[in-house]
C-alpha atoms as a PDB file:
ATOM      1  CA  MET A   1      22.285  -4.565   1.524  1.00  0.00           C
ATOM      2  CA  SER A   2      23.153  -1.257   3.060  1.00  0.00           C
ATOM      3  CA  ALA A   3      22.051   1.930   1.352  1.00  0.00           C
ATOM      4  CA  SER A   4      24.645   4.065   3.147  1.00  0.00           C
ATOM      5  CA  HIS A   5      26.122   5.013  -0.223  1.00  0.00           C
ATOM      6  CA  SER A   6      24.590   5.783  -3.560  1.00  0.00           C
ATOM      7  CA  ALA A   7      25.355   3.638  -6.579  1.00  0.00           C
ATOM      8  CA  HIS A   8      28.135   6.081  -7.376  1.00  0.00           C
ATOM      9  CA  GLY A   9      29.776   5.906  -3.972  1.00  0.00           C
ATOM     10  CA  SER A  10      28.825   9.264  -2.424  1.00  0.00           C
ATOM     11  CA  GLU A  11      28.824   9.504   1.354  1.00  0.00           C
ATOM     12  CA  ALA A  12      25.368   9.855   2.907  1.00  0.00           C
ATOM     13  CA  PRO A  13      24.512  12.040   5.918  1.00  0.00           C
ATOM     14  CA  TYR A  14      23.510  10.437   9.209  1.00  0.00           C
ATOM     15  CA  TYR A  15      19.844  11.018   8.457  1.00  0.00           C
ATOM     16  CA  TYR A  16      18.350  12.847   5.507  1.00  0.00           C
ATOM     17  CA  VAL A  17      15.143  14.824   6.100  1.00  0.00           C
ATOM     18  CA  PRO A  18      13.475  15.686   2.770  1.00  0.00           C
ATOM     19  CA  SER A  19      11.984  19.096   2.152  1.00  0.00           C
ATOM     20  CA  HIS A  20       8.232  19.753   2.210  1.00  0.00           C
ATOM     21  CA  SER A  21       6.414  18.089  -0.676  1.00  0.00           C
ATOM     22  CA  VAL A  22       3.043  18.488  -2.382  1.00  0.00           C
ATOM     23  CA  HIS A  23       3.071  14.902  -3.625  1.00  0.00           C
ATOM     24  CA  PRO A  24       1.029  13.422  -0.709  1.00  0.00           C
ATOM     25  CA  VAL A  25      -1.705  16.029  -1.189  1.00  0.00           C
ATOM     26  CA  ARG A  26      -1.827  15.419  -4.942  1.00  0.00           C
ATOM     27  CA  ALA A  27      -1.968  11.659  -4.417  1.00  0.00           C
ATOM     28  CA  SER A  28      -4.819  12.021  -1.905  1.00  0.00           C
ATOM     29  CA  VAL A  29      -6.847  14.229  -4.258  1.00  0.00           C
ATOM     30  CA  SER A  30      -6.219  11.790  -7.132  1.00  0.00           C
ATOM     31  CA  LEU A  31      -7.427   8.851  -5.033  1.00  0.00           C
ATOM     32  CA  LEU A  32     -10.523  10.816  -3.953  1.00  0.00           C
ATOM     33  CA  ILE A  33     -11.402  11.564  -7.589  1.00  0.00           C
ATOM     34  CA  THR A  34     -10.788   7.905  -8.502  1.00  0.00           C
ATOM     35  CA  LEU A  35     -13.081   6.559  -5.766  1.00  0.00           C
ATOM     36  CA  LEU A  36     -15.820   9.101  -6.460  1.00  0.00           C
ATOM     37  CA  GLY A  37     -15.634   8.263 -10.146  1.00  0.00           C
ATOM     38  CA  ALA A  38     -15.819   4.534  -9.410  1.00  0.00           C
ATOM     39  CA  ALA A  39     -18.904   5.055  -7.202  1.00  0.00           C
ATOM     40  CA  LEU A  40     -20.636   7.106  -9.898  1.00  0.00           C
ATOM     41  CA  TRP A  41     -19.610   4.636 -12.612  1.00  0.00           C
ATOM     42  CA  ILE A  42     -21.054   1.660 -10.714  1.00  0.00           C
ATOM     43  CA  ASN A  43     -24.322   3.598 -10.362  1.00  0.00           C
ATOM     44  CA  SER A  44     -24.442   4.230 -14.136  1.00  0.00           C
ATOM     45  CA  ILE A  45     -23.835   7.980 -13.905  1.00  0.00           C
ATOM     46  CA  TYR A  46     -22.189   9.061 -17.160  1.00  0.00           C
ATOM     47  CA  ILE A  47     -19.430  11.255 -15.757  1.00  0.00           C
ATOM     48  CA  GLY A  48     -18.252   8.455 -13.443  1.00  0.00           C
ATOM     49  CA  HIS A  49     -15.940   6.601 -15.814  1.00  0.00           C
ATOM     50  CA  TRP A  50     -14.331   9.871 -16.932  1.00  0.00           C
ATOM     51  CA  MET A  51     -13.686  10.881 -13.311  1.00  0.00           C
ATOM     52  CA  PHE A  52     -12.241   7.445 -12.636  1.00  0.00           C
ATOM     53  CA  LEU A  53      -9.905   7.730 -15.631  1.00  0.00           C
ATOM     54  CA  VAL A  54      -8.792  11.247 -14.670  1.00  0.00           C
ATOM     55  CA  GLY A  55      -8.137  10.119 -11.085  1.00  0.00           C
ATOM     56  CA  ILE A  56      -6.060   7.114 -12.171  1.00  0.00           C
ATOM     57  CA  LEU A  57      -4.009   9.177 -14.641  1.00  0.00           C
ATOM     58  CA  SER A  58      -3.471  11.898 -12.034  1.00  0.00           C
ATOM     59  CA  LEU A  59      -2.316   9.316  -9.519  1.00  0.00           C
ATOM     60  CA  PHE A  60       0.226   7.816 -11.917  1.00  0.00           C
ATOM     61  CA  VAL A  61       1.542  11.266 -12.866  1.00  0.00           C
ATOM     62  CA  THR A  62       1.919  12.104  -9.169  1.00  0.00           C
ATOM     63  CA  LEU A  63       3.704   8.831  -8.475  1.00  0.00           C
ATOM     64  CA  TYR A  64       6.003   9.430 -11.441  1.00  0.00           C
ATOM     65  CA  PHE A  65       7.264  12.707 -10.024  1.00  0.00           C
ATOM     66  CA  TRP A  66       7.240  11.441  -6.411  1.00  0.00           C
ATOM     67  CA  PHE A  67       9.300   8.360  -7.236  1.00  0.00           C
ATOM     68  CA  GLY A  68      11.553  10.532  -9.388  1.00  0.00           C
ATOM     69  CA  ASP A  69      12.362  12.700  -6.370  1.00  0.00           C
ATOM     70  CA  ALA A  70      13.091   9.596  -4.265  1.00  0.00           C
ATOM     71  CA  ILE A  71      15.371   8.203  -6.972  1.00  0.00           C
ATOM     72  CA  ARG A  72      17.283  11.471  -7.216  1.00  0.00           C
ATOM     73  CA  GLU A  73      17.757  11.511  -3.446  1.00  0.00           C
ATOM     74  CA  SER A  74      19.207   8.007  -3.626  1.00  0.00           C
ATOM     75  CA  GLU A  75      21.474   8.786  -6.572  1.00  0.00           C
ATOM     76  CA  ASP A  76      22.714  11.972  -4.862  1.00  0.00           C
ATOM     77  CA  GLY A  77      23.912   9.874  -1.916  1.00  0.00           C
ATOM     78  CA  MET A  78      21.330  11.158   0.579  1.00  0.00           C
ATOM     79  CA  ASN A  79      20.140   7.758   1.863  1.00  0.00           C
ATOM     80  CA  SER A  80      22.070   6.642   4.920  1.00  0.00           C
ATOM     81  CA  LEU A  81      21.840   3.292   6.703  1.00  0.00           C
ATOM     82  CA  ARG A  82      19.098   4.674   8.944  1.00  0.00           C
ATOM     83  CA  VAL A  83      17.081   5.755   5.888  1.00  0.00           C
ATOM     84  CA  ASP A  84      17.610   2.276   4.460  1.00  0.00           C
ATOM     85  CA  HIS A  85      16.137   0.743   7.626  1.00  0.00           C
ATOM     86  CA  SER A  86      13.241   3.188   7.414  1.00  0.00           C
ATOM     87  CA  TYR A  87      12.529   2.119   3.832  1.00  0.00           C
ATOM     88  CA  ARG A  88      12.594  -1.549   4.803  1.00  0.00           C
ATOM     89  CA  TRP A  89      10.227  -1.134   7.730  1.00  0.00           C
ATOM     90  CA  SER A  90       7.909   1.041   5.637  1.00  0.00           C
ATOM     91  CA  MET A  91       7.729  -1.557   2.867  1.00  0.00           C
ATOM     92  CA  ALA A  92       7.174  -4.360   5.377  1.00  0.00           C
ATOM     93  CA  TRP A  93       4.280  -2.523   7.031  1.00  0.00           C
ATOM     94  CA  PHE A  94       2.829  -1.600   3.648  1.00  0.00           C
ATOM     95  CA  ILE A  95       2.784  -5.257   2.589  1.00  0.00           C
ATOM     96  CA  PHE A  96       1.260  -6.184   5.972  1.00  0.00           C
ATOM     97  CA  SER A  97      -1.548  -3.691   5.341  1.00  0.00           C
ATOM     98  CA  GLU A  98      -2.114  -5.366   1.970  1.00  0.00           C
ATOM     99  CA  VAL A  99      -2.272  -8.759   3.694  1.00  0.00           C
ATOM    100  CA  MET A 100      -5.030  -7.418   5.958  1.00  0.00           C
ATOM    101  CA  PHE A 101      -6.791  -5.919   2.931  1.00  0.00           C
ATOM    102  CA  PHE A 102      -7.020  -9.270   1.171  1.00  0.00           C
ATOM    103  CA  ALA A 103      -7.764 -11.079   4.435  1.00  0.00           C
ATOM    104  CA  ALA A 104     -10.949  -9.004   4.670  1.00  0.00           C
ATOM    105  CA  PHE A 105     -12.036 -10.094   1.183  1.00  0.00           C
ATOM    106  CA  PHE A 106     -11.180 -13.744   1.810  1.00  0.00           C
ATOM    107  CA  GLY A 107     -13.081 -13.479   5.091  1.00  0.00           C
ATOM    108  CA  SER A 108     -16.098 -12.102   3.232  1.00  0.00           C
ATOM    109  CA  LEU A 109     -15.969 -15.031   0.833  1.00  0.00           C
ATOM    110  CA  TRP A 110     -15.778 -17.540   3.680  1.00  0.00           C
ATOM    111  CA  TYR A 111     -18.540 -15.868   5.725  1.00  0.00           C
ATOM    112  CA  THR A 112     -20.913 -15.567   2.768  1.00  0.00           C
ATOM    113  CA  ARG A 113     -20.368 -19.137   1.643  1.00  0.00           C
ATOM    114  CA  GLU A 114     -20.101 -21.005   4.930  1.00  0.00           C
ATOM    115  CA  VAL A 115     -22.273 -18.934   7.296  1.00  0.00           C
ATOM    116  CA  THR A 116     -24.774 -16.672   5.568  1.00  0.00           C
ATOM    117  CA  THR A 117     -25.852 -18.967   2.727  1.00  0.00           C
ATOM    118  CA  PRO A 118     -26.702 -22.002   4.930  1.00  0.00           C
ATOM    119  CA  TRP A 119     -28.299 -19.708   7.529  1.00  0.00           C
ATOM    120  CA  LEU A 120     -30.666 -18.084   5.016  1.00  0.00           C
ATOM    121  CA  SER A 121     -31.700 -21.468   3.641  1.00  0.00           C
ATOM    122  CA  ASN A 122     -32.971 -22.905   6.943  1.00  0.00           C
ATOM    123  CA  LEU A 123     -36.678 -23.455   7.572  1.00  0.00           C
ATOM    124  CA  ASP A 124     -37.350 -20.175   9.426  1.00  0.00           C
ATOM    125  CA  HIS A 125     -35.917 -18.016   6.664  1.00  0.00           C
ATOM    126  CA  GLN A 126     -37.443 -20.162   3.933  1.00  0.00           C
ATOM    127  CA  THR A 127     -40.871 -19.498   5.438  1.00  0.00           C
ATOM    128  CA  LEU A 128     -40.607 -15.900   6.586  1.00  0.00           C
ATOM    129  CA  LEU A 129     -37.830 -14.102   4.742  1.00  0.00           C
ATOM    130  CA  TRP A 130     -36.390 -15.830   1.673  1.00  0.00           C
ATOM    131  CA  PRO A 131     -38.911 -18.204   0.108  1.00  0.00           C
ATOM    132  CA  ASN A 132     -37.436 -20.669  -2.384  1.00  0.00           C
ATOM    133  CA  PHE A 133     -33.877 -19.662  -1.435  1.00  0.00           C
ATOM    134  CA  SER A 134     -31.317 -22.320  -2.327  1.00  0.00           C
ATOM    135  CA  GLY A 135     -28.527 -22.998   0.138  1.00  0.00           C
ATOM    136  CA  THR A 136     -26.069 -23.982  -2.578  1.00  0.00           C
ATOM    137  CA  TRP A 137     -23.003 -21.982  -3.590  1.00  0.00           C
ATOM    138  CA  PRO A 138     -23.148 -20.101  -5.833  1.00  0.00           C
ATOM    139  CA  ASN A 139     -26.860 -19.333  -5.933  1.00  0.00           C
ATOM    140  CA  LEU A 140     -29.250 -17.066  -7.786  1.00  0.00           C
ATOM    141  CA  GLY A 141     -30.452 -15.216  -4.707  1.00  0.00           C
ATOM    142  CA  PRO A 142     -33.914 -15.356  -3.091  1.00  0.00           C
ATOM    143  CA  ALA A 143     -36.588 -16.482  -5.548  1.00  0.00           C
ATOM    144  CA  GLY A 144     -34.064 -16.347  -8.385  1.00  0.00           C
ATOM    145  CA  VAL A 145     -33.708 -12.549  -8.442  1.00  0.00           C
ATOM    146  CA  VAL A 146     -30.251 -12.871 -10.009  1.00  0.00           C
ATOM    147  CA  ASN A 147     -29.980 -13.677 -13.701  1.00  0.00           C
ATOM    148  CA  ALA A 148     -28.627 -17.138 -14.419  1.00  0.00           C
ATOM    149  CA  PHE A 149     -24.850 -17.298 -14.834  1.00  0.00           C
ATOM    150  CA  GLN A 150     -22.014 -19.795 -15.023  1.00  0.00           C
ATOM    151  CA  THR A 151     -18.900 -19.780 -12.875  1.00  0.00           C
ATOM    152  CA  VAL A 152     -15.323 -19.649 -14.150  1.00  0.00           C
ATOM    153  CA  GLY A 153     -13.584 -22.990 -13.657  1.00  0.00           C
ATOM    154  CA  PRO A 154      -9.859 -23.497 -13.036  1.00  0.00           C
ATOM    155  CA  PHE A 155      -9.185 -24.680 -16.604  1.00  0.00           C
ATOM    156  CA  TRP A 156      -7.590 -23.308 -18.537  1.00  0.00           C
ATOM    157  CA  LEU A 157      -6.960 -19.594 -18.171  1.00  0.00           C
ATOM    158  CA  PRO A 158      -6.706 -19.475 -14.335  1.00  0.00           C
ATOM    159  CA  THR A 159      -4.257 -22.390 -14.432  1.00  0.00           C
ATOM    160  CA  ILE A 160      -2.218 -20.698 -17.172  1.00  0.00           C
ATOM    161  CA  ASN A 161      -2.175 -17.508 -15.113  1.00  0.00           C
ATOM    162  CA  THR A 162      -0.999 -19.478 -12.086  1.00  0.00           C
ATOM    163  CA  ALA A 163       1.869 -20.875 -14.139  1.00  0.00           C
ATOM    164  CA  LEU A 164       2.718 -17.377 -15.398  1.00  0.00           C
ATOM    165  CA  LEU A 165       2.891 -15.875 -11.909  1.00  0.00           C
ATOM    166  CA  LEU A 166       4.814 -18.771 -10.373  1.00  0.00           C
ATOM    167  CA  THR A 167       7.295 -18.628 -13.238  1.00  0.00           C
ATOM    168  CA  SER A 168       7.644 -14.859 -12.797  1.00  0.00           C
ATOM    169  CA  GLY A 169       8.488 -15.406  -9.129  1.00  0.00           C
ATOM    170  CA  LEU A 170      11.251 -17.805 -10.204  1.00  0.00           C
ATOM    171  CA  THR A 171      12.680 -15.450 -12.840  1.00  0.00           C
ATOM    172  CA  LEU A 172      12.626 -12.572 -10.335  1.00  0.00           C
ATOM    173  CA  THR A 173      14.552 -14.698  -7.833  1.00  0.00           C
ATOM    174  CA  VAL A 174      17.179 -15.441 -10.500  1.00  0.00           C
ATOM    175  CA  ALA A 175      17.428 -11.702 -11.235  1.00  0.00           C
ATOM    176  CA  HIS A 176      17.832 -11.002  -7.511  1.00  0.00           C
ATOM    177  CA  HIS A 177      20.717 -13.463  -7.243  1.00  0.00           C
ATOM    178  CA  ALA A 178      22.287 -11.879 -10.348  1.00  0.00           C
ATOM    179  CA  ILE A 179      22.199  -8.360  -8.912  1.00  0.00           C
ATOM    180  CA  ARG A 180      23.745  -9.593  -5.658  1.00  0.00           C
ATOM    181  CA  VAL A 181      26.806 -10.753  -7.605  1.00  0.00           C
ATOM    182  CA  ASN A 182      26.809  -7.538  -9.683  1.00  0.00           C
ATOM    183  CA  ASN A 183      25.933  -9.285 -12.958  1.00  0.00           C
ATOM    184  CA  ARG A 184      23.958  -6.459 -14.579  1.00  0.00           C
ATOM    185  CA  GLY A 185      23.366  -8.178 -17.933  1.00  0.00           C
ATOM    186  CA  LYS A 186      21.856 -11.260 -16.326  1.00  0.00           C
ATOM    187  CA  THR A 187      19.779  -9.095 -14.008  1.00  0.00           C
ATOM    188  CA  ILE A 188      18.348  -7.132 -16.935  1.00  0.00           C
ATOM    189  CA  PHE A 189      17.435 -10.276 -18.873  1.00  0.00           C
ATOM    190  CA  TRP A 190      15.631 -12.076 -16.047  1.00  0.00           C
ATOM    191  CA  LEU A 191      13.958  -8.933 -14.744  1.00  0.00           C
ATOM    192  CA  ALA A 192      12.681  -8.072 -18.237  1.00  0.00           C
ATOM    193  CA  LEU A 193      11.300 -11.612 -18.514  1.00  0.00           C
ATOM    194  CA  THR A 194       9.540 -11.145 -15.157  1.00  0.00           C
ATOM    195  CA  VAL A 195       7.898  -7.942 -16.394  1.00  0.00           C
ATOM    196  CA  LEU A 196       6.719  -9.667 -19.590  1.00  0.00           C
ATOM    197  CA  LEU A 197       5.220 -12.533 -17.585  1.00  0.00           C
ATOM    198  CA  GLY A 198       3.431 -10.056 -15.310  1.00  0.00           C
ATOM    199  CA  PHE A 199       1.795  -8.171 -18.155  1.00  0.00           C
ATOM    200  CA  ALA A 200       0.962 -11.490 -19.878  1.00  0.00           C
ATOM    201  CA  PHE A 201      -0.987 -12.371 -16.717  1.00  0.00           C
ATOM    202  CA  VAL A 202      -2.916  -9.093 -16.989  1.00  0.00           C
ATOM    203  CA  ALA A 203      -3.727  -9.789 -20.659  1.00  0.00           C
ATOM    204  CA  CYS A 204      -5.000 -13.291 -19.848  1.00  0.00           C
ATOM    205  CA  GLN A 205      -7.162 -11.959 -17.015  1.00  0.00           C
ATOM    206  CA  ALA A 206      -8.637  -9.290 -19.300  1.00  0.00           C
ATOM    207  CA  TYR A 207      -9.561 -12.039 -21.780  1.00  0.00           C
ATOM    208  CA  GLU A 208     -11.060 -14.075 -18.929  1.00  0.00           C
ATOM    209  CA  TYR A 209     -13.222 -11.136 -17.860  1.00  0.00           C
ATOM    210  CA  HIS A 210     -14.450 -10.649 -21.422  1.00  0.00           C
ATOM    211  CA  HIS A 211     -15.316 -14.345 -21.632  1.00  0.00           C
ATOM    212  CA  ALA A 212     -17.108 -14.260 -18.253  1.00  0.00           C
ATOM    213  CA  TYR A 213     -19.163 -11.191 -19.169  1.00  0.00           C
ATOM    214  CA  THR A 214     -20.103 -12.094 -22.734  1.00  0.00           C
ATOM    215  CA  GLU A 215     -20.394 -15.886 -22.621  1.00  0.00           C
ATOM    216  CA  LEU A 216     -21.009 -16.876 -18.992  1.00  0.00           C
ATOM    217  CA  ASN A 217     -23.178 -13.868 -18.038  1.00  0.00           C
ATOM    218  CA  LEU A 218     -21.079 -13.566 -14.870  1.00  0.00           C
ATOM    219  CA  ARG A 219     -21.258  -9.906 -13.893  1.00  0.00           C
ATOM    220  CA  PHE A 220     -20.529  -7.736 -10.887  1.00  0.00           C
ATOM    221  CA  ASP A 221     -24.245  -7.804 -10.004  1.00  0.00           C
ATOM    222  CA  SER A 222     -24.497 -11.599 -10.241  1.00  0.00           C
ATOM    223  CA  GLY A 223     -25.346 -11.931  -6.580  1.00  0.00           C
ATOM    224  CA  ALA A 224     -22.774 -12.387  -3.828  1.00  0.00           C
ATOM    225  CA  PHE A 225     -20.667 -14.680  -5.998  1.00  0.00           C
ATOM    226  CA  GLY A 226     -20.289 -12.182  -8.817  1.00  0.00           C
ATOM    227  CA  SER A 227     -19.432  -9.328  -6.462  1.00  0.00           C
ATOM    228  CA  LEU A 228     -16.858 -11.342  -4.535  1.00  0.00           C
ATOM    229  CA  PHE A 229     -15.364 -12.867  -7.691  1.00  0.00           C
ATOM    230  CA  TYR A 230     -14.671  -9.504  -9.294  1.00  0.00           C
ATOM    231  CA  MET A 231     -13.628  -7.804  -6.053  1.00  0.00           C
ATOM    232  CA  LEU A 232     -11.059 -10.496  -5.256  1.00  0.00           C
ATOM    233  CA  THR A 233      -9.691 -11.127  -8.743  1.00  0.00           C
ATOM    234  CA  GLY A 234     -10.045  -7.488  -9.826  1.00  0.00           C
ATOM    235  CA  PHE A 235      -8.149  -6.024  -6.887  1.00  0.00           C
ATOM    236  CA  HIS A 236      -5.497  -8.694  -7.289  1.00  0.00           C
ATOM    237  CA  GLY A 237      -5.219  -7.831 -10.986  1.00  0.00           C
ATOM    238  CA  PHE A 238      -4.793  -4.175 -10.015  1.00  0.00           C
ATOM    239  CA  HIS A 239      -1.968  -5.199  -7.678  1.00  0.00           C
ATOM    240  CA  VAL A 240      -0.342  -7.168 -10.498  1.00  0.00           C
ATOM    241  CA  ILE A 241      -0.449  -4.040 -12.689  1.00  0.00           C
ATOM    242  CA  LEU A 242       1.133  -2.000  -9.887  1.00  0.00           C
ATOM    243  CA  GLY A 243       3.763  -4.663  -9.234  1.00  0.00           C
ATOM    244  CA  ALA A 244       4.636  -4.981 -12.923  1.00  0.00           C
ATOM    245  CA  THR A 245       4.883  -1.181 -13.106  1.00  0.00           C
ATOM    246  CA  PHE A 246       7.225  -1.152 -10.092  1.00  0.00           C
ATOM    247  CA  LEU A 247       9.395  -3.796 -11.734  1.00  0.00           C
ATOM    248  CA  THR A 248       9.426  -1.856 -15.017  1.00  0.00           C
ATOM    249  CA  VAL A 249      10.780   1.211 -13.210  1.00  0.00           C
ATOM    250  CA  ILE A 250      13.359  -0.967 -11.462  1.00  0.00           C
ATOM    251  CA  LEU A 251      14.340  -2.483 -14.820  1.00  0.00           C
ATOM    252  CA  LEU A 252      14.967   0.979 -16.264  1.00  0.00           C
ATOM    253  CA  ARG A 253      17.041   1.864 -13.208  1.00  0.00           C
ATOM    254  CA  VAL A 254      19.102  -1.310 -13.549  1.00  0.00           C
ATOM    255  CA  ILE A 255      19.739  -0.472 -17.213  1.00  0.00           C
ATOM    256  CA  LYS A 256      20.942   3.000 -16.133  1.00  0.00           C
ATOM    257  CA  GLY A 257      23.252   1.448 -13.543  1.00  0.00           C
ATOM    258  CA  HIS A 258      21.534   2.799 -10.446  1.00  0.00           C
ATOM    259  CA  PHE A 259      22.099  -0.320  -8.327  1.00  0.00           C
ATOM    260  CA  THR A 260      25.121  -2.192  -7.035  1.00  0.00           C
ATOM    261  CA  ALA A 261      25.553  -5.524  -5.286  1.00  0.00           C
ATOM    262  CA  ASP A 262      25.584  -3.699  -1.933  1.00  0.00           C
ATOM    263  CA  SER A 263      22.930  -1.051  -2.580  1.00  0.00           C
ATOM    264  CA  HIS A 264      19.710  -2.139  -4.284  1.00  0.00           C
ATOM    265  CA  PHE A 265      16.793  -1.910  -1.875  1.00  0.00           C
ATOM    266  CA  GLY A 266      14.591  -0.457  -4.612  1.00  0.00           C
ATOM    267  CA  PHE A 267      14.932  -3.809  -6.358  1.00  0.00           C
ATOM    268  CA  GLU A 268      14.339  -5.751  -3.142  1.00  0.00           C
ATOM    269  CA  GLY A 269      11.236  -3.767  -2.174  1.00  0.00           C
ATOM    270  CA  ALA A 270       9.640  -4.395  -5.568  1.00  0.00           C
ATOM    271  CA  ALA A 271      10.586  -8.085  -5.300  1.00  0.00           C
ATOM    272  CA  TRP A 272       8.936  -8.374  -1.870  1.00  0.00           C
ATOM    273  CA  TYR A 273       5.753  -6.897  -3.285  1.00  0.00           C
ATOM    274  CA  TRP A 274       5.787  -9.210  -6.308  1.00  0.00           C
ATOM    275  CA  HIS A 275       6.219 -12.336  -4.185  1.00  0.00           C
ATOM    276  CA  PHE A 276       3.302 -11.170  -2.025  1.00  0.00           C
ATOM    277  CA  VAL A 277       1.172 -10.859  -5.180  1.00  0.00           C
ATOM    278  CA  ASP A 278       2.175 -14.422  -6.128  1.00  0.00           C
ATOM    279  CA  VAL A 279       1.089 -15.827  -2.763  1.00  0.00           C
ATOM    280  CA  VAL A 280      -2.270 -14.023  -2.843  1.00  0.00           C
ATOM    281  CA  TRP A 281      -2.979 -15.463  -6.287  1.00  0.00           C
ATOM    282  CA  LEU A 282      -2.415 -19.010  -5.016  1.00  0.00           C
ATOM    283  CA  GLY A 283      -5.131 -18.383  -2.418  1.00  0.00           C
ATOM    284  CA  LEU A 284      -7.462 -17.011  -5.098  1.00  0.00           C
ATOM    285  CA  TYR A 285      -6.753 -19.915  -7.410  1.00  0.00           C
ATOM    286  CA  LEU A 286      -7.725 -22.421  -4.723  1.00  0.00           C
ATOM    287  CA  PHE A 287     -10.665 -20.728  -2.995  1.00  0.00           C
ATOM    288  CA  VAL A 288     -12.280 -18.921  -5.936  1.00  0.00           C
ATOM    289  CA  TYR A 289     -11.702 -21.239  -8.908  1.00  0.00           C
ATOM    290  CA  TRP A 290     -11.430 -24.689  -7.280  1.00  0.00           C
ATOM    291  CA  PHE A 291     -13.491 -24.603  -4.071  1.00  0.00           C
END
């Protein structure tokens, strides 16, 4: 899968060093605005949701131009074998950082459920700190300070979403095999199907959130369970949106003929990320909806 040549066969230099770029600074400022907006939004400050929206849009605009520069470098034959190795290691470490990110959230779920909840319900805390606290999971907090809510069970939307993501992993694998044998038509078909399945997952999760908020009264402030439920599933949903966006860009590049059987790491990197998203969802499906 060497990237020592572009899709059009141009020779690449030993190692290409790109010129100075403002994209990292713009991305950092966009993320700062997004996080500040999210913090203000959660605290019911009016300008918060507008700042969040501006930050997200700015980030996507920045990524559009940044990725465009990277694509042009590839198509101009600037990516040598050493650059290809650099891309692979960078993507591997990026996915590892995402693994640690979700490990922290899964660890929070385990610690809250298996350690903190039983600990706060023992006799000492019942008497001195949290009277009438129930040691069950989920719970309504000490003395019922959290409004009553219902949890989201595994049937049927979470199970449908599981089927959608697992199927998308299969269709992406078929597309990967197709591009390795230089069958562009088959690659386009199966990759387009993968993108459709990914956005169908997002639509189902949006409907699930609406159902949870309006009918189950399950909100972000519904105690530890509500916070962890939306943090875990929400951040995963955000990753699905990113992954589906990556695959959409790759689909457009395949249609334009940017990849060959021997040079298609852009496709592979997006596929690695998508399979990671699939695996994380299986953990969520088991530990959030079943257990």
